[in-house]
Amino acid sequence: MDSAKRWIILGALLGGLSVAAGAFGAHGLDRYFRLKYEDEVYEKKVEIEGREVVLVRRPLAEKYLADVKTGAEYQMYHALALVLAGLMYRQRACPCLNIAGWCFTFGCLGFSGGLYAYALTGAKIIGMSIVPLGGVLFIAGWVALLASQCGKTPSST
């Protein structure tokens, strides 16, 4: 399979899966999270002038639903970026577009997949290691997409 086709197919698949993940989060996980985390509260804390301050306090079920929504949104953005990389590759084969494609693909697995896994399991190690790595891959993908446009282009006559 050529690179252009690979990125377009992966983008379409990840885009469809992001819709499914968002729908599952909106319609399937709400009750599950509310029952599982009925009395648990999420608190985001920071240290200010040597004192711990709570910035955010909300039900843990709401936090995990928001995480699933964020995962689905970012997955869709990067599914569309994959389709774009494929279309750009059809115009001009560039190694940077393949790098962008792989970064977007593995970024979806790490960031979005990590958020889904974190929300379903509550395993903080996923939220602290895999999710940020996926985010770094997203950034690297966008840098590679930019770099694909910085090289020489055929001059039009």
C-alpha atoms as a PDB file:
ATOM      1  CA  MET A   1       0.000   0.000   0.000  1.00  0.00           C
ATOM      2  CA  ASP A   2       1.375   3.419  -0.871  1.00  0.00           C
ATOM      3  CA  SER A   3       1.809   6.042   1.831  1.00  0.00           C
ATOM      4  CA  ALA A   4      -0.934   8.367   0.611  1.00  0.00           C
ATOM      5  CA  LYS A   5      -3.515   5.592   0.695  1.00  0.00           C
ATOM      6  CA  ARG A   6      -2.288   4.337   4.097  1.00  0.00           C
ATOM      7  CA  TRP A   7      -2.735   7.749   5.758  1.00  0.00           C
ATOM      8  CA  ILE A   8      -6.142   8.356   4.199  1.00  0.00           C
ATOM      9  CA  ILE A   9      -7.390   4.898   5.255  1.00  0.00           C
ATOM     10  CA  LEU A  10      -5.977   5.226   8.790  1.00  0.00           C
ATOM     11  CA  GLY A  11      -7.451   8.720   9.071  1.00  0.00           C
ATOM     12  CA  ALA A  12     -10.873   7.471   7.997  1.00  0.00           C
ATOM     13  CA  LEU A  13     -10.708   4.547  10.438  1.00  0.00           C
ATOM     14  CA  LEU A  14      -9.552   6.691  13.358  1.00  0.00           C
ATOM     15  CA  GLY A  15     -12.170   9.320  12.509  1.00  0.00           C
ATOM     16  CA  GLY A  16     -14.953   6.750  12.579  1.00  0.00           C
ATOM     17  CA  LEU A  17     -13.635   5.275  15.808  1.00  0.00           C
ATOM     18  CA  SER A  18     -13.521   8.738  17.386  1.00  0.00           C
ATOM     19  CA  VAL A  19     -17.235   9.168  16.655  1.00  0.00           C
ATOM     20  CA  ALA A  20     -17.891   5.762  18.217  1.00  0.00           C
ATOM     21  CA  ALA A  21     -15.768   6.632  21.278  1.00  0.00           C
ATOM     22  CA  GLY A  22     -17.551   9.955  21.711  1.00  0.00           C
ATOM     23  CA  ALA A  23     -20.969   8.328  21.395  1.00  0.00           C
ATOM     24  CA  PHE A  24     -20.012   5.568  23.828  1.00  0.00           C
ATOM     25  CA  GLY A  25     -18.771   8.165  26.287  1.00  0.00           C
ATOM     26  CA  ALA A  26     -21.911  10.268  25.954  1.00  0.00           C
ATOM     27  CA  HIS A  27     -24.436   7.443  26.002  1.00  0.00           C
ATOM     28  CA  GLY A  28     -22.798   4.422  27.587  1.00  0.00           C
ATOM     29  CA  LEU A  29     -20.267   5.531  30.162  1.00  0.00           C
ATOM     30  CA  ASP A  30     -22.257   8.194  31.980  1.00  0.00           C
ATOM     31  CA  ARG A  31     -24.280   5.712  34.063  1.00  0.00           C
ATOM     32  CA  TYR A  32     -21.296   3.389  34.531  1.00  0.00           C
ATOM     33  CA  PHE A  33     -19.063   6.190  35.855  1.00  0.00           C
ATOM     34  CA  ARG A  34     -21.803   7.622  38.086  1.00  0.00           C
ATOM     35  CA  LEU A  35     -22.355   4.213  39.693  1.00  0.00           C
ATOM     36  CA  LYS A  36     -18.675   3.282  39.946  1.00  0.00           C
ATOM     37  CA  TYR A  37     -17.476   6.637  41.306  1.00  0.00           C
ATOM     38  CA  GLU A  38     -20.661   7.661  43.139  1.00  0.00           C
ATOM     39  CA  ASP A  39     -19.033   9.325  46.131  1.00  0.00           C
ATOM     40  CA  GLU A  40     -15.546  10.049  44.769  1.00  0.00           C
ATOM     41  CA  VAL A  41     -14.283  13.552  44.062  1.00  0.00           C
ATOM     42  CA  TYR A  42     -11.470  14.710  41.805  1.00  0.00           C
ATOM     43  CA  GLU A  43      -9.307  17.552  43.060  1.00  0.00           C
ATOM     44  CA  LYS A  44      -6.648  19.370  41.089  1.00  0.00           C
ATOM     45  CA  LYS A  45      -4.152  20.894  43.484  1.00  0.00           C
ATOM     46  CA  VAL A  46      -1.178  23.214  43.122  1.00  0.00           C
ATOM     47  CA  GLU A  47       1.294  24.618  45.569  1.00  0.00           C
ATOM     48  CA  ILE A  48       1.195  28.392  45.963  1.00  0.00           C
ATOM     49  CA  GLU A  49       3.652  30.072  48.305  1.00  0.00           C
ATOM     50  CA  GLY A  50       4.324  26.773  50.075  1.00  0.00           C
ATOM     51  CA  ARG A  51       0.639  26.020  50.595  1.00  0.00           C
ATOM     52  CA  GLU A  52      -1.433  23.427  48.733  1.00  0.00           C
ATOM     53  CA  VAL A  53      -4.460  25.004  47.056  1.00  0.00           C
ATOM     54  CA  VAL A  54      -7.366  23.151  45.406  1.00  0.00           C
ATOM     55  CA  LEU A  55      -8.008  24.705  41.988  1.00  0.00           C
ATOM     56  CA  VAL A  56     -10.749  22.335  40.820  1.00  0.00           C
ATOM     57  CA  ARG A  57     -13.107  20.064  42.719  1.00  0.00           C
ATOM     58  CA  ARG A  58     -15.735  18.012  40.900  1.00  0.00           C
ATOM     59  CA  PRO A  59     -17.241  14.529  40.890  1.00  0.00           C
ATOM     60  CA  LEU A  60     -14.771  11.948  39.579  1.00  0.00           C
ATOM     61  CA  ALA A  61     -17.414  10.613  37.159  1.00  0.00           C
ATOM     62  CA  GLU A  62     -17.576  14.028  35.461  1.00  0.00           C
ATOM     63  CA  LYS A  63     -13.783  14.223  35.208  1.00  0.00           C
ATOM     64  CA  TYR A  64     -13.552  10.810  33.531  1.00  0.00           C
ATOM     65  CA  LEU A  65     -16.376  11.648  31.111  1.00  0.00           C
ATOM     66  CA  ALA A  66     -14.534  14.843  30.195  1.00  0.00           C
ATOM     67  CA  ASP A  67     -11.347  12.803  29.631  1.00  0.00           C
ATOM     68  CA  VAL A  68     -13.176  10.485  27.210  1.00  0.00           C
ATOM     69  CA  LYS A  69     -14.599  13.509  25.380  1.00  0.00           C
ATOM     70  CA  THR A  70     -11.136  15.088  25.116  1.00  0.00           C
ATOM     71  CA  GLY A  71      -9.702  11.817  23.790  1.00  0.00           C
ATOM     72  CA  ALA A  72     -12.416  11.579  21.127  1.00  0.00           C
ATOM     73  CA  GLU A  73     -11.955  15.214  20.080  1.00  0.00           C
ATOM     74  CA  TYR A  74      -8.184  14.937  19.718  1.00  0.00           C
ATOM     75  CA  GLN A  75      -8.541  11.637  17.909  1.00  0.00           C
ATOM     76  CA  MET A  76     -10.855  13.286  15.369  1.00  0.00           C
ATOM     77  CA  TYR A  77      -8.532  16.258  14.858  1.00  0.00           C
ATOM     78  CA  HIS A  78      -5.628  13.940  14.165  1.00  0.00           C
ATOM     79  CA  ALA A  79      -7.682  11.589  12.009  1.00  0.00           C
ATOM     80  CA  LEU A  80      -8.375  14.593   9.801  1.00  0.00           C
ATOM     81  CA  ALA A  81      -4.676  15.498   9.921  1.00  0.00           C
ATOM     82  CA  LEU A  82      -3.877  11.972   8.692  1.00  0.00           C
ATOM     83  CA  VAL A  83      -6.248  12.377   5.749  1.00  0.00           C
ATOM     84  CA  LEU A  84      -4.584  15.724   5.015  1.00  0.00           C
ATOM     85  CA  ALA A  85      -1.123  14.128   5.155  1.00  0.00           C
ATOM     86  CA  GLY A  86      -2.300  11.472   2.700  1.00  0.00           C
ATOM     87  CA  LEU A  87      -3.706  14.037   0.295  1.00  0.00           C
ATOM     88  CA  MET A  88      -0.534  16.105   0.550  1.00  0.00           C
ATOM     89  CA  TYR A  89       1.562  12.982  -0.096  1.00  0.00           C
ATOM     90  CA  ARG A  90      -0.368  12.415  -3.329  1.00  0.00           C
ATOM     91  CA  GLN A  91       0.692  15.892  -4.452  1.00  0.00           C
ATOM     92  CA  ARG A  92       4.317  15.553  -3.393  1.00  0.00           C
ATOM     93  CA  ALA A  93       5.907  12.499  -1.821  1.00  0.00           C
ATOM     94  CA  CYS A  94       7.924  13.742   1.115  1.00  0.00           C
ATOM     95  CA  PRO A  95       9.455  11.690   3.957  1.00  0.00           C
ATOM     96  CA  CYS A  96       8.252  14.301   6.456  1.00  0.00           C
ATOM     97  CA  LEU A  97       4.649  13.415   5.594  1.00  0.00           C
ATOM     98  CA  ASN A  98       5.323   9.793   6.525  1.00  0.00           C
ATOM     99  CA  ILE A  99       6.853  10.953   9.799  1.00  0.00           C
ATOM    100  CA  ALA A 100       3.769  13.114  10.408  1.00  0.00           C
ATOM    101  CA  GLY A 101       1.494  10.184   9.614  1.00  0.00           C
ATOM    102  CA  TRP A 102       3.232   7.844  12.042  1.00  0.00           C
ATOM    103  CA  CYS A 103       3.318  10.523  14.740  1.00  0.00           C
ATOM    104  CA  PHE A 104      -0.409  11.244  14.353  1.00  0.00           C
ATOM    105  CA  THR A 105      -1.230   7.508  14.362  1.00  0.00           C
ATOM    106  CA  PHE A 106       0.820   6.656  17.439  1.00  0.00           C
ATOM    107  CA  GLY A 107      -0.233   9.938  19.056  1.00  0.00           C
ATOM    108  CA  CYS A 108      -3.869   8.794  18.757  1.00  0.00           C
ATOM    109  CA  LEU A 109      -2.979   5.486  20.365  1.00  0.00           C
ATOM    110  CA  GLY A 110      -1.017   7.133  23.177  1.00  0.00           C
ATOM    111  CA  PHE A 111      -3.021  10.261  23.876  1.00  0.00           C
ATOM    112  CA  SER A 112      -6.595   9.288  23.026  1.00  0.00           C
ATOM    113  CA  GLY A 113      -6.207   5.589  23.767  1.00  0.00           C
ATOM    114  CA  GLY A 114      -4.418   6.476  26.986  1.00  0.00           C
ATOM    115  CA  LEU A 115      -7.229   8.807  28.056  1.00  0.00           C
ATOM    116  CA  TYR A 116      -9.797   6.088  27.337  1.00  0.00           C
ATOM    117  CA  ALA A 117      -7.788   3.540  29.334  1.00  0.00           C
ATOM    118  CA  TYR A 118      -7.184   6.007  32.171  1.00  0.00           C
ATOM    119  CA  ALA A 119     -10.883   6.883  32.377  1.00  0.00           C
ATOM    120  CA  LEU A 120     -11.926   3.222  32.391  1.00  0.00           C
ATOM    121  CA  THR A 121      -9.293   1.962  34.827  1.00  0.00           C
ATOM    122  CA  GLY A 122      -8.314   4.983  36.912  1.00  0.00           C
ATOM    123  CA  ALA A 123      -4.658   3.901  36.529  1.00  0.00           C
ATOM    124  CA  LYS A 124      -2.757   7.143  37.147  1.00  0.00           C
ATOM    125  CA  ILE A 125       0.423   5.762  35.548  1.00  0.00           C
ATOM    126  CA  ILE A 126      -1.393   5.832  32.190  1.00  0.00           C
ATOM    127  CA  GLY A 127      -2.428   9.453  32.685  1.00  0.00           C
ATOM    128  CA  MET A 128       1.036  10.438  33.822  1.00  0.00           C
ATOM    129  CA  SER A 129       3.151   8.660  31.192  1.00  0.00           C
ATOM    130  CA  ILE A 130       1.342   7.350  28.112  1.00  0.00           C
ATOM    131  CA  VAL A 131      -1.036  10.271  27.589  1.00  0.00           C
ATOM    132  CA  PRO A 132       1.719  12.941  27.639  1.00  0.00           C
ATOM    133  CA  LEU A 133       3.858  10.851  25.293  1.00  0.00           C
ATOM    134  CA  GLY A 134       0.942  10.729  22.862  1.00  0.00           C
ATOM    135  CA  GLY A 135       0.669  14.512  23.125  1.00  0.00           C
ATOM    136  CA  VAL A 136       4.364  14.896  22.307  1.00  0.00           C
ATOM    137  CA  LEU A 137       3.828  12.690  19.239  1.00  0.00           C
ATOM    138  CA  PHE A 138       0.961  14.938  18.132  1.00  0.00           C
ATOM    139  CA  ILE A 139       3.243  17.977  18.370  1.00  0.00           C
ATOM    140  CA  ALA A 140       6.010  16.151  16.492  1.00  0.00           C
ATOM    141  CA  GLY A 141       3.493  15.249  13.791  1.00  0.00           C
ATOM    142  CA  TRP A 142       2.519  18.877  13.307  1.00  0.00           C
ATOM    143  CA  VAL A 143       6.191  19.886  13.157  1.00  0.00           C
ATOM    144  CA  ALA A 144       6.799  17.179  10.531  1.00  0.00           C
ATOM    145  CA  LEU A 145       3.770  18.388   8.559  1.00  0.00           C
ATOM    146  CA  LEU A 146       5.226  21.903   8.642  1.00  0.00           C
ATOM    147  CA  ALA A 147       8.676  20.599   7.636  1.00  0.00           C
ATOM    148  CA  SER A 148       7.108  18.874   4.619  1.00  0.00           C
ATOM    149  CA  GLN A 149       6.393  22.330   3.260  1.00  0.00           C
ATOM    150  CA  CYS A 150       9.818  23.816   3.941  1.00  0.00           C
ATOM    151  CA  GLY A 151      11.737  21.912   1.286  1.00  0.00           C
ATOM    152  CA  LYS A 152      12.115  22.625  -2.387  1.00  0.00           C
ATOM    153  CA  THR A 153       8.953  22.506  -4.450  1.00  0.00           C
ATOM    154  CA  PRO A 154       8.782  22.023  -8.189  1.00  0.00           C
ATOM    155  CA  SER A 155       8.677  25.438  -9.826  1.00  0.00           C
ATOM    156  CA  SER A 156       5.637  26.131 -11.903  1.00  0.00           C
ATOM    157  CA  THR A 157       6.140  27.507 -15.377  1.00  0.00           C
END
